[in-house]
Amino acid sequence: MKKIFSLFCILFLASCGDATIYGTWVQPVPGMENMTQGFVLNTDGTASSVNMATLAYDTWRRDGDNLIMTGRSIGNGQIIEFTDVYEIEQLTSNTLVLRDGDITFTYTRE
């Protein structure tokens, strides 16, 4: 039994290390939990928004424990370019938790 438990632990830890950040990540829309919003991180460094018409992501990159995303905020007849830097608190095959100061965002892989 001890050998089976050890093997399970090794396999679990190995699978955690293989989590990739690219893909589609979504979370419920606040106040409209039946809808989702989020972003797509493509393998070529491009990014796009999911169900967020006024927030257009363009690029992304990972720098250590940081996710850096660039894009354009579109609204009220003006376009404002931005760069957001998030601390990656957790990354598994199905969960991405990002922190921006005191705010935490939890996403699931779509």
C-alpha atoms as a PDB file:
ATOM      1  CA  MET A   1       0.000   0.000   0.000  1.00  0.00           C
ATOM      2  CA  LYS A   2       2.861   2.370   0.812  1.00  0.00           C
ATOM      3  CA  LYS A   3       4.343   1.822  -2.679  1.00  0.00           C
ATOM      4  CA  ILE A   4       1.002   2.604  -4.344  1.00  0.00           C
ATOM      5  CA  PHE A   5       0.652   5.813  -2.313  1.00  0.00           C
ATOM      6  CA  SER A   6       4.219   6.863  -3.209  1.00  0.00           C
ATOM      7  CA  LEU A   7       3.567   6.195  -6.893  1.00  0.00           C
ATOM      8  CA  PHE A   8       0.344   8.232  -6.725  1.00  0.00           C
ATOM      9  CA  CYS A   9       2.203  11.174  -5.134  1.00  0.00           C
ATOM     10  CA  ILE A  10       4.926  11.074  -7.792  1.00  0.00           C
ATOM     11  CA  LEU A  11       2.386  10.995 -10.623  1.00  0.00           C
ATOM     12  CA  PHE A  12       0.336  13.798  -9.067  1.00  0.00           C
ATOM     13  CA  LEU A  13       3.350  16.072  -8.603  1.00  0.00           C
ATOM     14  CA  ALA A  14       4.611  15.332 -12.100  1.00  0.00           C
ATOM     15  CA  SER A  15       1.252  16.239 -13.626  1.00  0.00           C
ATOM     16  CA  CYS A  16       1.157  19.537 -11.696  1.00  0.00           C
ATOM     17  CA  GLY A  17       4.483  20.586 -13.163  1.00  0.00           C
ATOM     18  CA  ASP A  18       3.226  20.050 -16.700  1.00  0.00           C
ATOM     19  CA  ALA A  19       0.446  22.641 -16.494  1.00  0.00           C
ATOM     20  CA  THR A  20       0.617  25.067 -19.377  1.00  0.00           C
ATOM     21  CA  ILE A  21      -0.716  28.584 -19.168  1.00  0.00           C
ATOM     22  CA  TYR A  22      -1.799  28.915 -22.767  1.00  0.00           C
ATOM     23  CA  GLY A  23      -5.414  28.168 -23.603  1.00  0.00           C
ATOM     24  CA  THR A  24      -8.833  29.644 -22.857  1.00  0.00           C
ATOM     25  CA  TRP A  25      -9.453  30.799 -19.277  1.00  0.00           C
ATOM     26  CA  VAL A  26     -12.886  31.931 -18.058  1.00  0.00           C
ATOM     27  CA  GLN A  27     -14.728  32.951 -14.900  1.00  0.00           C
ATOM     28  CA  PRO A  28     -18.378  33.777 -14.177  1.00  0.00           C
ATOM     29  CA  VAL A  29     -19.463  37.315 -15.029  1.00  0.00           C
ATOM     30  CA  PRO A  30     -20.171  39.085 -11.704  1.00  0.00           C
ATOM     31  CA  GLY A  31     -23.916  39.278 -11.200  1.00  0.00           C
ATOM     32  CA  MET A  32     -24.569  37.017 -14.222  1.00  0.00           C
ATOM     33  CA  GLU A  33     -23.135  33.669 -13.111  1.00  0.00           C
ATOM     34  CA  ASN A  34     -24.693  31.828 -16.068  1.00  0.00           C
ATOM     35  CA  MET A  35     -22.296  33.729 -18.385  1.00  0.00           C
ATOM     36  CA  THR A  36     -18.505  33.619 -18.538  1.00  0.00           C
ATOM     37  CA  GLN A  37     -15.753  36.052 -19.428  1.00  0.00           C
ATOM     38  CA  GLY A  38     -12.007  35.742 -19.693  1.00  0.00           C
ATOM     39  CA  PHE A  39      -9.212  35.492 -22.213  1.00  0.00           C
ATOM     40  CA  VAL A  40      -7.374  33.256 -24.642  1.00  0.00           C
ATOM     41  CA  LEU A  41      -3.591  32.905 -24.413  1.00  0.00           C
ATOM     42  CA  ASN A  42      -2.270  31.548 -27.718  1.00  0.00           C
ATOM     43  CA  THR A  43       1.041  29.716 -28.022  1.00  0.00           C
ATOM     44  CA  ASP A  44       2.407  32.447 -30.329  1.00  0.00           C
ATOM     45  CA  GLY A  45       2.084  35.163 -27.650  1.00  0.00           C
ATOM     46  CA  THR A  46      -1.131  36.674 -28.970  1.00  0.00           C
ATOM     47  CA  ALA A  47      -4.163  37.030 -26.734  1.00  0.00           C
ATOM     48  CA  SER A  48      -7.848  37.781 -27.118  1.00  0.00           C
ATOM     49  CA  SER A  49     -10.792  38.491 -24.854  1.00  0.00           C
ATOM     50  CA  VAL A  50     -13.746  36.203 -24.225  1.00  0.00           C
ATOM     51  CA  ASN A  51     -17.110  37.993 -23.873  1.00  0.00           C
ATOM     52  CA  MET A  52     -15.525  41.366 -22.994  1.00  0.00           C
ATOM     53  CA  ALA A  53     -16.234  43.788 -25.841  1.00  0.00           C
ATOM     54  CA  THR A  54     -14.629  46.802 -24.154  1.00  0.00           C
ATOM     55  CA  LEU A  55     -11.424  45.026 -23.108  1.00  0.00           C
ATOM     56  CA  ALA A  56      -9.420  43.771 -26.093  1.00  0.00           C
ATOM     57  CA  TYR A  57      -6.309  41.768 -25.200  1.00  0.00           C
ATOM     58  CA  ASP A  58      -3.556  41.709 -27.830  1.00  0.00           C
ATOM     59  CA  THR A  59      -0.457  39.989 -26.403  1.00  0.00           C
ATOM     60  CA  TRP A  60       0.738  38.056 -23.396  1.00  0.00           C
ATOM     61  CA  ARG A  61       3.972  36.752 -21.960  1.00  0.00           C
ATOM     62  CA  ARG A  62       5.081  35.007 -18.836  1.00  0.00           C
ATOM     63  CA  ASP A  63       7.984  36.361 -16.812  1.00  0.00           C
ATOM     64  CA  GLY A  64       8.659  34.004 -13.905  1.00  0.00           C
ATOM     65  CA  ASP A  65       5.586  34.136 -11.668  1.00  0.00           C
ATOM     66  CA  ASN A  66       4.068  37.061 -13.573  1.00  0.00           C
ATOM     67  CA  LEU A  67       1.585  37.083 -16.427  1.00  0.00           C
ATOM     68  CA  ILE A  68       1.924  40.267 -18.473  1.00  0.00           C
ATOM     69  CA  MET A  69      -0.936  41.124 -20.819  1.00  0.00           C
ATOM     70  CA  THR A  70      -1.288  44.070 -23.191  1.00  0.00           C
ATOM     71  CA  GLY A  71      -4.370  45.344 -24.908  1.00  0.00           C
ATOM     72  CA  ARG A  72      -6.809  48.154 -25.473  1.00  0.00           C
ATOM     73  CA  SER A  73      -9.650  49.440 -23.337  1.00  0.00           C
ATOM     74  CA  ILE A  74     -12.411  50.575 -25.689  1.00  0.00           C
ATOM     75  CA  GLY A  75     -15.188  52.829 -24.493  1.00  0.00           C
ATOM     76  CA  ASN A  76     -16.843  56.239 -24.652  1.00  0.00           C
ATOM     77  CA  GLY A  77     -15.305  56.994 -28.028  1.00  0.00           C
ATOM     78  CA  GLN A  78     -11.733  56.520 -26.876  1.00  0.00           C
ATOM     79  CA  ILE A  79      -9.175  53.720 -26.930  1.00  0.00           C
ATOM     80  CA  ILE A  80      -6.633  53.440 -24.121  1.00  0.00           C
ATOM     81  CA  GLU A  81      -3.703  51.030 -24.424  1.00  0.00           C
ATOM     82  CA  PHE A  82      -2.747  49.156 -21.265  1.00  0.00           C
ATOM     83  CA  THR A  83      -0.318  46.646 -19.816  1.00  0.00           C
ATOM     84  CA  ASP A  84      -1.496  44.533 -16.880  1.00  0.00           C
ATOM     85  CA  VAL A  85       0.898  42.550 -14.707  1.00  0.00           C
ATOM     86  CA  TYR A  86      -0.603  39.743 -12.617  1.00  0.00           C
ATOM     87  CA  GLU A  87       1.118  37.476 -10.124  1.00  0.00           C
ATOM     88  CA  ILE A  88       0.402  33.819 -10.884  1.00  0.00           C
ATOM     89  CA  GLU A  89      -0.652  32.344  -7.539  1.00  0.00           C
ATOM     90  CA  GLN A  90      -1.770  28.967  -8.850  1.00  0.00           C
ATOM     91  CA  LEU A  91      -1.589  27.183 -12.173  1.00  0.00           C
ATOM     92  CA  THR A  92      -2.905  23.663 -12.665  1.00  0.00           C
ATOM     93  CA  SER A  93      -4.264  21.920 -15.712  1.00  0.00           C
ATOM     94  CA  ASN A  94      -7.734  23.345 -14.946  1.00  0.00           C
ATOM     95  CA  THR A  95      -7.252  26.363 -12.653  1.00  0.00           C
ATOM     96  CA  LEU A  96      -5.459  29.695 -12.980  1.00  0.00           C
ATOM     97  CA  VAL A  97      -5.411  32.071 -10.014  1.00  0.00           C
ATOM     98  CA  LEU A  98      -4.050  35.572 -10.643  1.00  0.00           C
ATOM     99  CA  ARG A  99      -3.398  38.339  -8.132  1.00  0.00           C
ATOM    100  CA  ASP A 100      -3.366  42.076  -8.758  1.00  0.00           C
ATOM    101  CA  GLY A 101      -2.551  43.721  -5.428  1.00  0.00           C
ATOM    102  CA  ASP A 102      -5.330  42.753  -3.031  1.00  0.00           C
ATOM    103  CA  ILE A 103      -7.602  41.376  -5.751  1.00  0.00           C
ATOM    104  CA  THR A 104      -7.587  37.698  -6.724  1.00  0.00           C
ATOM    105  CA  PHE A 105      -9.067  36.353  -9.965  1.00  0.00           C
ATOM    106  CA  THR A 106      -9.836  32.647 -10.351  1.00  0.00           C
ATOM    107  CA  TYR A 107     -10.243  31.173 -13.829  1.00  0.00           C
ATOM    108  CA  THR A 108     -11.002  27.707 -15.095  1.00  0.00           C
ATOM    109  CA  ARG A 109      -9.812  26.241 -18.361  1.00  0.00           C
ATOM    110  CA  GLU A 110     -12.539  26.076 -20.961  1.00  0.00           C
END
